[in-house]
Protein backbone atom coordinates (compact mmCIF):
# COMPACT_ATOMS: atom_id res chain seq x y z
CA MET A 1 123.17 90.56 101.82
CA THR A 2 121.52 89.44 98.61
CA TYR A 3 118.21 87.82 98.25
CA PRO A 4 117.08 85.20 96.34
CA ASN A 5 115.24 86.56 92.45
CA TRP A 6 111.63 86.78 94.21
CA LEU A 7 109.84 85.28 91.38
CA SER A 8 111.86 82.48 90.44
CA GLN A 9 112.14 81.24 94.47
CA ARG A 10 108.25 81.73 94.82
CA ALA A 11 107.69 79.51 91.17
CA TYR A 12 110.31 76.99 92.55
CA LEU A 13 108.58 77.03 96.70
CA THR A 14 104.82 77.05 95.64
CA GLY A 15 104.84 76.81 91.74
CA ASN A 16 101.16 75.56 91.69
CA GLN A 17 99.82 78.20 93.75
CA LEU A 18 97.58 81.06 92.76
CA ALA A 19 99.37 84.13 91.81
CA LEU A 20 96.79 86.00 89.84
CA SER A 21 93.71 86.38 88.52
CA PHE A 22 92.17 89.00 86.08
CA GLY A 23 89.29 88.62 84.09
CA GLU A 24 88.50 84.83 83.69
CA ASP A 25 91.83 84.47 83.21
CA GLU A 26 94.21 82.84 86.70
CA TRP A 27 98.12 81.85 86.51
CA THR A 28 99.91 79.97 88.99
CA PHE A 29 103.58 81.06 90.10
CA GLY A 30 104.61 78.50 88.08
CA GLU A 31 102.98 80.00 85.22
CA VAL A 32 103.67 83.68 85.73
CA ASN A 33 107.20 83.09 86.08
CA LYS A 34 107.29 81.40 82.57
CA ILE A 35 105.56 84.46 81.29
CA ALA A 36 107.85 86.83 83.03
CA LEU A 37 110.97 85.57 81.67
CA ASP A 38 109.23 85.59 77.86
CA TYR A 39 108.76 89.09 78.86
CA ALA A 40 112.38 89.83 79.77
CA GLY A 41 113.49 88.12 76.64
CA LYS A 42 111.37 90.63 75.01
CA LEU A 43 112.82 93.49 76.77
CA ALA A 44 116.15 92.40 76.29
CA HIS A 45 115.54 92.44 72.28
CA PHE A 46 115.29 96.22 72.96
CA GLY A 47 118.28 96.64 74.80
CA ILE A 48 117.17 96.49 78.48
CA THR A 49 119.73 95.23 80.39
CA GLU A 50 120.56 95.20 84.57
CA HIS A 51 121.84 98.77 83.94
CA SER A 52 118.75 100.03 82.36
CA ARG A 53 115.76 102.37 83.61
CA VAL A 54 112.57 101.89 81.75
CA ALA A 55 109.16 103.80 82.53
CA LEU A 56 106.19 101.88 82.34
CA LEU A 57 102.91 103.53 81.37
CA ALA A 58 99.61 101.04 81.51
CA ARG A 59 96.05 100.51 83.28
CA SER A 60 96.47 97.52 85.94
CA ASN A 61 96.25 94.57 83.97
CA ALA A 62 97.82 91.27 83.53
CA GLU A 63 99.85 91.81 81.23
CA ALA A 64 101.25 95.15 82.65
CA VAL A 65 102.29 92.50 85.69
CA PHE A 66 104.08 90.57 83.00
CA VAL A 67 105.85 93.37 81.97
CA MET A 68 106.93 94.41 85.55
CA TYR A 69 107.96 90.79 86.48
CA GLY A 70 109.97 90.76 83.46
CA CYS A 71 111.99 93.82 84.47
CA LEU A 72 112.59 92.17 88.00
CA HIS A 73 113.71 89.21 85.87
CA ILE A 74 116.13 91.47 84.19
CA GLY A 75 116.89 93.64 87.25
CA CYS A 76 116.87 97.03 85.44
CA GLU A 77 114.84 100.03 87.07
CA MET A 78 111.04 100.73 86.57
CA VAL A 79 109.67 104.27 86.48
CA MET A 80 105.96 104.18 87.13
CA LEU A 81 104.12 106.52 85.53
CA ASN A 82 100.77 107.27 86.60
CA GLU A 83 98.42 107.40 83.14
CA ARG A 84 96.05 109.68 84.37
CA LEU A 85 98.65 111.96 84.15
CA ALA A 86 98.41 115.09 81.51
CA GLY A 87 101.20 114.60 78.36
CA ALA A 88 103.04 117.75 79.91
CA GLU A 89 103.36 116.03 83.02
CA LEU A 90 104.32 112.64 81.94
CA ALA A 91 107.07 114.49 79.78
CA TYR A 92 108.32 116.04 83.09
CA GLN A 93 108.57 112.63 85.09
CA ILE A 94 110.24 111.33 82.29
CA GLU A 95 112.71 113.63 81.02
CA ASP A 96 113.46 114.32 85.06
CA ALA A 97 114.31 110.09 85.30
CA LYS A 98 116.06 109.77 82.75
CA VAL A 99 114.70 106.85 81.55
CA ASP A 100 116.45 104.77 78.35
CA GLN A 101 112.99 103.42 76.96
CA VAL A 102 109.42 104.22 77.54
CA PHE A 103 106.54 101.16 77.49
CA ALA A 104 103.31 101.85 77.04
CA THR A 105 100.08 100.38 76.43
CA SER A 106 98.77 101.05 72.94
CA GLU A 107 95.78 103.25 74.02
CA LEU A 108 98.35 105.52 76.13
CA CYS A 109 101.32 106.10 73.69
CA GLU A 110 100.12 109.04 72.02
CA LYS A 111 100.35 110.55 75.35
CA VAL A 112 104.06 110.30 75.53
CA ALA A 113 104.41 110.29 71.76
CA ALA A 114 107.43 112.61 72.58
CA SER A 115 109.51 109.89 74.18
CA GLN A 116 109.39 107.48 71.59
CA PRO A 117 107.31 104.92 73.17
CA VAL A 118 107.29 101.25 72.59
CA SER A 119 104.04 99.72 72.92
CA PHE A 120 103.14 96.89 74.50
CA GLU A 121 101.41 95.23 70.94
CA GLN A 122 104.91 95.45 69.64
CA LEU A 123 106.60 94.00 72.81
CA ARG A 124 104.43 91.09 73.25
CA GLN A 125 105.04 90.49 69.12
CA ALA A 126 108.97 90.71 69.84
CA PRO A 127 111.23 87.73 69.78
CA SER A 128 112.30 86.75 73.16
CA VAL A 129 116.27 86.88 73.29
CA ASP A 130 119.01 85.49 75.60
CA PHE A 131 119.49 87.38 78.58
CA THR A 132 120.71 86.85 82.36
CA VAL A 133 118.80 86.57 84.86
CA LYS A 134 119.38 88.78 87.77
CA ALA A 135 119.18 85.61 90.14
CA GLU A 136 120.14 87.22 93.22
CA TRP A 137 119.11 90.91 94.21
CA ALA A 138 121.17 93.23 96.34
CA ARG A 139 119.88 94.61 99.04
CA ASN A 140 120.45 98.65 98.46
CA ARG A 141 119.32 97.51 94.29
CA THR A 142 116.61 100.35 93.34
CA VAL A 143 113.58 98.13 92.29
CA SER A 144 110.91 100.74 91.29
CA ILE A 145 110.79 104.48 91.03
CA MET A 146 107.37 106.65 91.98
CA TYR A 147 106.50 110.07 91.67
CA THR A 148 104.99 111.65 94.87
CA SER A 149 101.32 112.06 94.01
CA GLY A 150 101.84 115.70 93.72
CA THR A 151 98.94 116.47 96.40
CA THR A 152 101.33 119.70 97.31
CA GLY A 153 102.88 120.29 93.87
CA ASN A 154 106.54 119.25 93.03
CA PRO A 155 106.32 115.67 92.12
CA LYS A 156 109.50 113.58 93.04
CA GLY A 157 110.84 110.57 92.06
CA VAL A 158 111.42 108.03 95.14
CA ARG A 159 113.66 105.32 94.77
CA GLN A 160 112.43 101.90 96.32
CA THR A 161 114.99 99.23 97.54
CA ALA A 162 114.76 95.57 97.29
CA GLU A 163 115.13 95.85 100.97
CA ASN A 164 112.38 98.58 101.35
CA HIS A 165 109.57 96.60 99.91
CA PHE A 166 110.92 93.18 101.48
CA SER A 167 110.86 95.15 104.89
CA SER A 168 107.61 96.59 104.24
CA ALA A 169 105.84 93.14 103.32
CA VAL A 170 107.32 91.40 106.16
CA SER A 171 105.92 94.15 108.61
CA SER A 172 102.65 94.03 107.12
CA ALA A 173 102.58 89.85 107.51
CA LEU A 174 104.10 90.27 111.23
CA ASN A 175 100.66 92.64 112.20
CA LEU A 176 97.95 90.99 109.88
CA GLY A 177 98.96 87.16 109.68
CA VAL A 178 99.89 85.43 106.49
CA SER A 179 97.60 82.15 104.95
CA PRO A 180 98.89 80.31 102.36
CA ASP A 181 95.29 80.89 101.25
CA ASP A 182 94.99 84.68 101.11
CA VAL A 183 94.10 86.23 98.03
CA TRP A 184 94.18 90.05 97.48
CA LEU A 185 91.55 92.08 96.25
CA CYS A 186 93.89 95.11 94.24
CA THR A 187 91.26 97.97 92.96
CA VAL A 188 94.15 100.49 93.86
CA PRO A 189 96.55 101.18 90.59
CA LEU A 190 99.69 99.26 90.45
CA PHE A 191 102.15 102.47 89.63
CA HIS A 192 100.98 103.79 93.36
CA ILE A 193 102.69 102.25 96.37
CA SER A 194 99.19 101.12 97.75
CA GLY A 195 99.14 98.47 94.32
CA PHE A 196 102.56 97.80 93.50
CA SER A 197 103.38 96.53 97.59
CA ILE A 198 100.28 94.30 96.82
CA LEU A 199 102.39 92.79 94.33
CA MET A 200 105.30 92.63 96.11
CA ARG A 201 103.92 90.92 99.17
CA SER A 202 102.18 88.13 96.92
CA LEU A 203 105.96 87.20 95.79
CA VAL A 204 107.37 87.38 99.54
CA TYR A 205 103.85 85.42 100.68
CA GLY A 206 102.81 83.47 97.93
CA MET A 207 99.66 85.03 98.24
CA GLY A 208 97.34 85.47 95.06
CA VAL A 209 96.03 88.32 93.85
CA ARG A 210 92.72 88.92 92.19
CA LEU A 211 93.61 92.26 89.68
CA TYR A 212 91.21 94.87 88.24
CA GLU A 213 91.82 97.71 86.45
CA LYS A 214 89.81 100.33 88.25
CA PHE A 215 87.59 100.54 90.66
CA ASP A 216 83.90 100.04 90.74
CA PRO A 217 81.90 99.82 94.02
CA ALA A 218 79.90 97.17 92.63
CA VAL A 219 82.59 95.12 91.63
CA CYS A 220 83.78 95.58 95.21
CA ALA A 221 81.02 95.03 96.97
CA ASP A 222 80.57 91.42 94.65
CA GLU A 223 83.93 90.11 94.97
CA LEU A 224 83.65 90.62 99.14
CA CYS A 225 80.81 88.45 99.29
CA LYS A 226 81.66 85.84 96.67
CA GLY A 227 84.11 84.42 99.12
CA GLN A 228 87.25 84.48 96.88
CA VAL A 229 89.24 87.40 98.23
CA THR A 230 90.65 87.82 101.87
CA HIS A 231 91.99 91.31 101.80
CA SER A 232 91.58 94.76 100.44
CA SER A 233 93.21 98.11 100.25
CA MET A 234 90.65 101.36 100.20
CA VAL A 235 90.88 105.05 101.00
CA ALA A 236 87.62 106.29 102.76
CA VAL A 237 85.83 107.63 99.76
CA THR A 238 85.94 104.02 98.23
CA LEU A 239 84.74 101.96 101.55
CA ASP A 240 82.33 104.11 101.87
CA GLN A 241 81.12 103.21 98.40
CA VAL A 242 81.43 99.50 98.61
CA LEU A 243 79.43 99.47 102.24
CA ARG A 244 76.66 101.99 100.08
CA GLU A 245 76.63 99.25 97.37
CA ILE A 246 76.71 96.25 100.22
CA GLU A 247 73.65 98.15 101.85
CA GLN A 248 71.50 98.97 99.38
CA ARG A 249 71.91 95.99 97.47
CA GLU A 250 71.36 94.19 101.01
CA LEU A 251 74.71 92.16 100.20
CA SER A 252 75.86 89.51 102.62
CA VAL A 253 79.99 89.96 102.98
CA SER A 254 81.42 86.50 103.16
CA THR A 255 83.18 85.01 106.51
CA ARG A 256 86.35 84.12 104.27
CA PHE A 257 86.85 87.56 104.21
CA LYS A 258 88.95 89.17 106.25
CA GLN A 259 90.50 92.49 106.38
CA VAL A 260 89.99 96.03 104.59
CA LEU A 261 93.75 98.36 104.39
CA ALA A 262 92.00 101.84 104.57
CA GLY A 263 94.72 104.53 104.27
CA GLY A 264 95.06 107.87 102.88
CA GLY A 265 93.16 109.59 105.87
CA PRO A 266 91.26 109.03 108.70
CA VAL A 267 88.21 106.84 108.07
CA PRO A 268 84.90 108.37 109.65
CA VAL A 269 83.17 106.63 112.53
CA SER A 270 79.71 106.02 110.86
CA TYR A 271 81.81 104.28 108.14
CA LEU A 272 83.78 101.86 110.49
CA GLN A 273 80.25 100.97 112.22
CA MET A 274 78.66 100.34 108.96
CA ALA A 275 81.71 97.86 107.94
CA GLU A 276 81.60 96.38 111.13
CA ALA A 277 77.52 95.58 111.23
CA HIS A 278 78.43 93.60 107.89
CA GLY A 279 81.29 92.11 109.43
CA ILE A 280 84.41 93.52 107.99
CA GLN A 281 87.29 94.37 109.96
CA VAL A 282 88.49 98.04 109.36
CA LEU A 283 92.79 98.48 109.79
CA GLN A 284 93.60 102.28 109.33
CA THR A 285 96.80 103.05 108.09
CA TYR A 286 99.47 105.61 107.19
CA GLY A 287 102.15 105.74 104.96
CA MET A 288 103.51 107.19 101.90
CA THR A 289 105.54 106.44 98.80
CA GLU A 290 108.73 107.28 100.73
CA THR A 291 107.83 104.73 103.03
CA SER A 292 107.22 101.76 100.36
CA SER A 293 103.53 101.94 102.12
CA GLN A 294 102.13 101.34 105.41
CA THR A 295 104.32 102.54 108.64
CA THR A 296 101.58 102.72 111.11
CA THR A 297 98.28 100.62 111.66
CA LEU A 298 95.10 100.90 113.93
CA GLN A 299 93.73 97.55 114.82
CA PRO A 300 89.97 97.24 115.04
CA ALA A 301 90.21 96.79 118.65
CA ASP A 302 91.29 100.13 119.15
CA ALA A 303 89.30 101.89 116.35
CA LYS A 304 86.48 102.74 118.23
CA THR A 305 88.76 104.32 121.69
CA LYS A 306 91.10 105.68 119.20
CA ILE A 307 89.06 107.58 116.63
CA GLY A 308 91.02 109.19 114.11
CA SER A 309 94.16 107.45 115.11
CA ALA A 310 96.16 105.98 112.23
CA GLY A 311 97.89 103.02 115.26
CA LYS A 312 100.92 102.71 116.18
CA PRO A 313 104.45 101.62 114.06
CA LEU A 314 104.73 98.25 111.99
CA PHE A 315 107.46 96.06 114.03
CA LEU A 316 110.09 97.40 112.21
CA TYR A 317 109.38 100.87 112.16
CA GLN A 318 110.04 103.82 114.68
CA VAL A 319 107.71 106.92 114.79
CA LYS A 320 108.59 110.30 116.58
CA ILE A 321 107.22 113.74 116.61
CA ASP A 322 110.23 116.21 115.74
CA GLY A 323 110.79 118.43 118.79
CA ALA A 324 107.14 118.17 120.05
CA LYS A 325 105.78 116.27 123.94
CA THR A 326 103.59 114.40 124.30
CA GLY A 327 99.72 115.29 122.61
CA GLU A 328 101.57 118.44 121.03
CA ALA A 329 101.44 118.56 117.38
CA GLY A 330 104.71 118.42 115.39
CA GLU A 331 106.11 117.48 111.93
CA ILE A 332 105.93 112.95 111.43
CA LEU A 333 109.27 111.65 111.53
CA ILE A 334 109.61 107.79 110.46
CA LYS A 335 112.49 105.73 110.77
CA GLY A 336 113.58 102.08 109.49
CA PRO A 337 114.45 99.60 106.71
CA GLN A 338 111.27 100.64 104.62
CA VAL A 339 112.42 104.24 104.29
CA THR A 340 113.65 105.36 100.70
CA PRO A 341 117.41 105.95 100.40
CA GLY A 342 116.87 109.19 98.27
CA TYR A 343 115.43 110.45 95.01
CA ILE A 344 116.75 111.20 91.41
CA GLY A 345 116.44 113.80 89.02
CA LYS A 346 116.40 117.16 90.24
CA PHE A 347 115.62 116.11 93.79
CA LYS A 348 118.62 113.78 93.76
CA ASP A 349 120.57 116.12 96.17
CA ARG A 350 117.91 116.13 98.77
CA ASP A 351 118.96 114.47 101.87
CA VAL A 352 115.79 112.28 102.68
CA GLN A 353 117.22 111.03 105.89
CA LYS A 354 119.16 112.62 109.20
CA ASP A 355 120.59 110.74 111.54
CA GLY A 356 118.22 107.66 109.75
CA TRP A 357 114.72 109.77 110.12
CA LEU A 358 112.25 110.46 107.37
CA ALA A 359 110.58 114.19 107.72
CA THR A 360 107.47 113.45 106.11
CA GLY A 361 105.85 116.90 106.04
CA ASP A 362 103.02 115.72 107.66
CA ILE A 363 102.06 117.46 110.85
CA GLY A 364 100.71 114.70 113.76
CA TYR A 365 100.85 113.76 117.43
CA LEU A 366 101.42 110.74 119.33
CA ASP A 367 99.03 110.38 122.85
CA ALA A 368 99.99 109.19 125.66
CA GLU A 369 99.85 105.46 124.38
CA GLY A 370 101.82 106.57 121.51
CA PHE A 371 99.19 106.50 119.05
CA LEU A 372 99.74 108.37 116.13
CA PHE A 373 97.11 110.54 114.88
CA VAL A 374 98.22 112.72 111.96
CA VAL A 375 96.58 115.97 112.05
CA ASP A 376 97.29 117.50 108.56
CA ARG A 377 100.12 118.19 105.40
CA ARG A 378 102.10 121.03 106.64
CA SER A 379 101.91 122.80 103.38
CA ASP A 380 97.74 122.33 103.71
CA LEU A 381 97.93 124.41 106.90
CA LEU A 382 96.49 128.11 107.09
CA VAL A 383 96.90 130.70 109.54
CA SER A 384 93.80 132.78 110.04
CA GLY A 385 94.27 135.66 112.60
CA GLY A 386 97.53 134.22 113.61
CA GLU A 387 96.02 131.23 114.38
CA ASN A 388 96.58 127.72 112.50
CA VAL A 389 94.08 125.75 111.20
CA TYR A 390 94.22 122.40 110.14
CA PRO A 391 91.75 121.45 106.78
CA ALA A 392 91.95 117.99 108.11
CA GLU A 393 90.17 118.69 111.29
CA ILE A 394 87.20 120.62 109.86
CA GLU A 395 87.08 118.08 107.16
CA LYS A 396 86.56 115.00 109.93
CA VAL A 397 83.49 117.30 111.91
CA LEU A 398 81.86 117.95 108.91
CA MET A 399 81.88 113.90 108.30
CA ALA A 400 80.47 113.61 111.27
CA HIS A 401 76.95 115.36 109.94
CA PRO A 402 74.78 112.35 108.45
CA SER A 403 74.43 114.04 105.22
CA VAL A 404 77.83 114.77 104.60
CA ARG A 405 79.43 112.32 102.35
CA GLU A 406 82.81 114.09 101.29
CA ALA A 407 84.05 117.13 102.51
CA GLY A 408 87.20 119.03 101.45
CA VAL A 409 88.74 122.26 102.78
CA CYS A 410 91.25 124.93 101.76
CA ALA A 411 92.43 128.38 102.54
CA MET A 412 90.88 131.47 101.23
CA ALA A 413 92.45 134.84 101.30
CA ASP A 414 90.93 137.08 103.64
CA SER A 415 91.21 140.70 103.81
CA THR A 416 90.81 141.06 108.03
CA TRP A 417 92.22 137.75 108.60
CA GLY A 418 94.78 136.58 105.91
CA GLU A 419 93.44 133.10 105.68
CA VAL A 420 89.94 131.58 106.53
CA PRO A 421 88.89 128.22 105.39
CA ALA A 422 86.49 127.52 102.75
CA ALA A 423 84.66 124.07 102.77
CA PHE A 424 83.42 122.17 99.40
CA VAL A 425 81.26 119.44 100.27
CA VAL A 426 79.27 116.67 98.75
CA LEU A 427 75.87 116.31 100.44
CA ASP A 428 73.07 113.52 100.34
CA ASP A 429 70.81 116.51 100.87
CA PRO A 430 71.45 119.71 99.54
CA ALA A 431 69.22 121.28 101.70
CA VAL A 432 71.61 120.81 104.73
CA LEU A 433 74.18 123.45 103.25
CA ASP A 434 73.22 126.25 105.32
CA GLU A 435 73.01 124.14 108.51
CA LEU A 436 76.42 123.20 107.99
CA ALA A 437 77.90 126.64 109.70
CA GLU A 438 76.05 125.83 112.64
CA PHE A 439 76.80 122.22 112.79
CA CYS A 440 80.53 123.42 113.22
CA ARG A 441 80.63 126.11 115.63
CA GLY A 442 78.90 123.53 118.11
CA GLN A 443 82.66 121.48 117.76
CA LEU A 444 84.69 124.25 116.32
CA ALA A 445 86.52 127.45 117.37
CA GLY A 446 85.08 130.51 115.37
CA TYR A 447 88.20 130.88 113.64
CA LYS A 448 87.91 127.05 112.30
CA VAL A 449 84.56 127.69 111.19
CA PRO A 450 84.28 127.83 107.32
CA LYS A 451 83.44 131.45 105.96
CA LEU A 452 82.47 129.53 102.64
CA PHE A 453 80.47 126.45 101.84
CA ARG A 454 79.49 125.11 98.67
CA ALA A 455 77.68 121.98 97.75
CA VAL A 456 79.64 120.13 94.38
CA ASN A 457 79.08 116.73 92.93
CA GLU A 458 82.39 115.34 93.27
CA LEU A 459 86.03 116.63 95.25
CA PRO A 460 89.11 116.59 93.09
CA ARG A 461 91.17 113.39 93.43
CA ASN A 462 94.01 112.34 92.56
CA ALA A 463 94.60 108.12 91.42
CA SER A 464 95.01 106.98 94.36
CA ASN A 465 91.56 108.33 95.40
CA LYS A 466 93.37 111.23 97.68
CA LEU A 467 91.78 114.94 98.48
CA LEU A 468 93.80 117.71 96.07
CA ARG A 469 93.18 120.59 98.09
CA ARG A 470 95.12 122.52 95.89
CA GLU A 471 92.69 121.94 93.17
CA LEU A 472 89.98 123.17 95.64
CA LYS A 473 91.30 126.87 95.97
CA LYS A 474 90.78 127.08 91.83
CA TRP A 475 87.34 126.82 92.55
CA LEU A 476 87.10 129.81 94.55
């Protein structure tokens, strides 16, 4: 089975529909397709073919989208590089991926100078030569390659196929519903699956994308109130910032705005209550690079009764807990057409699926009604006096304190217990720091109460705003 070229098909079906807006500029699908064909010809000028693997290093802007879409027309594989990484980290990924060419925006070329990148400026000025448009896409064709975020180190290059992206888009549509007037506010990085999946949904649905180079809470708040966007993707910390902006400026969210998809961990109840007060539906989700975005989603109707849950699987997917009974924690396993067929580079021989099931490395449990609760990363588990302690459980309790804006917990070496929890918190009121231990004792077993509390201005996060607990350990 093959798919028709999504760009060509979308331009043919709804060519006059809004596809992309960035800054003051807007493009229809027909216009985007024409520009993408031109960029594909420019890529061909540099020797790129359907058998090539290219690396892209760019911030989220319209030209980055055009280059990505040009790659789709040619049929080459795209390695999406994180522009926030250091040069050594990028060099590792470029070498591991064995790319044929690196394309980078001019201001980022220096980071990858050793790879002799072609700048976007050079690409823009190059002639557009004849090439063969990839009219049909095989289901197993690798469209994109993304390196895991490295929250636990050792990033792996994840293959994402046309079928992975298509099934992810279809399952999301069955969950959210699709309207021809939908416009997705995208302030998450395009090199991350949360951002790139928005582009893929745009092509499959015929949905517009309102793109920003980076997240800005004031800008997001304005967009939710102007009445032009209908959806957005956030994590708990960015949702909190947007809600605070709306409250402080006494803004009114447009009735046209439908939903926020919130990933990257549970959303505190106080955030959900504040969002509801402003008429914002928050759908908590769970997914990963290996599943081409969301796998489970918690509907707003269940949010108050299933606090902390990531919901149930989307229609095409299955979720189970390895070897565990109902309510028992174990490794989360996922099965479905969105699961990656494998890795590249040094991890290419690692079996990703066993009997079709992906072992996620995340710990969670299913309750009696089949709702998934993600407890923590297996690698973040700490053992204190023989007892398993999950940092996320402690963070959830700390986040319930009215003066705690952010919380991060990691293991700290202890001569008596082996490891004990240490907590880093961002506070609205610094005076409450000494109260937190007592606050935790009322809700946690004694061995789970952090033995160290430290107030900080911000927590270490990656480009998708996920907490980096390994960085917390360096602060001890």
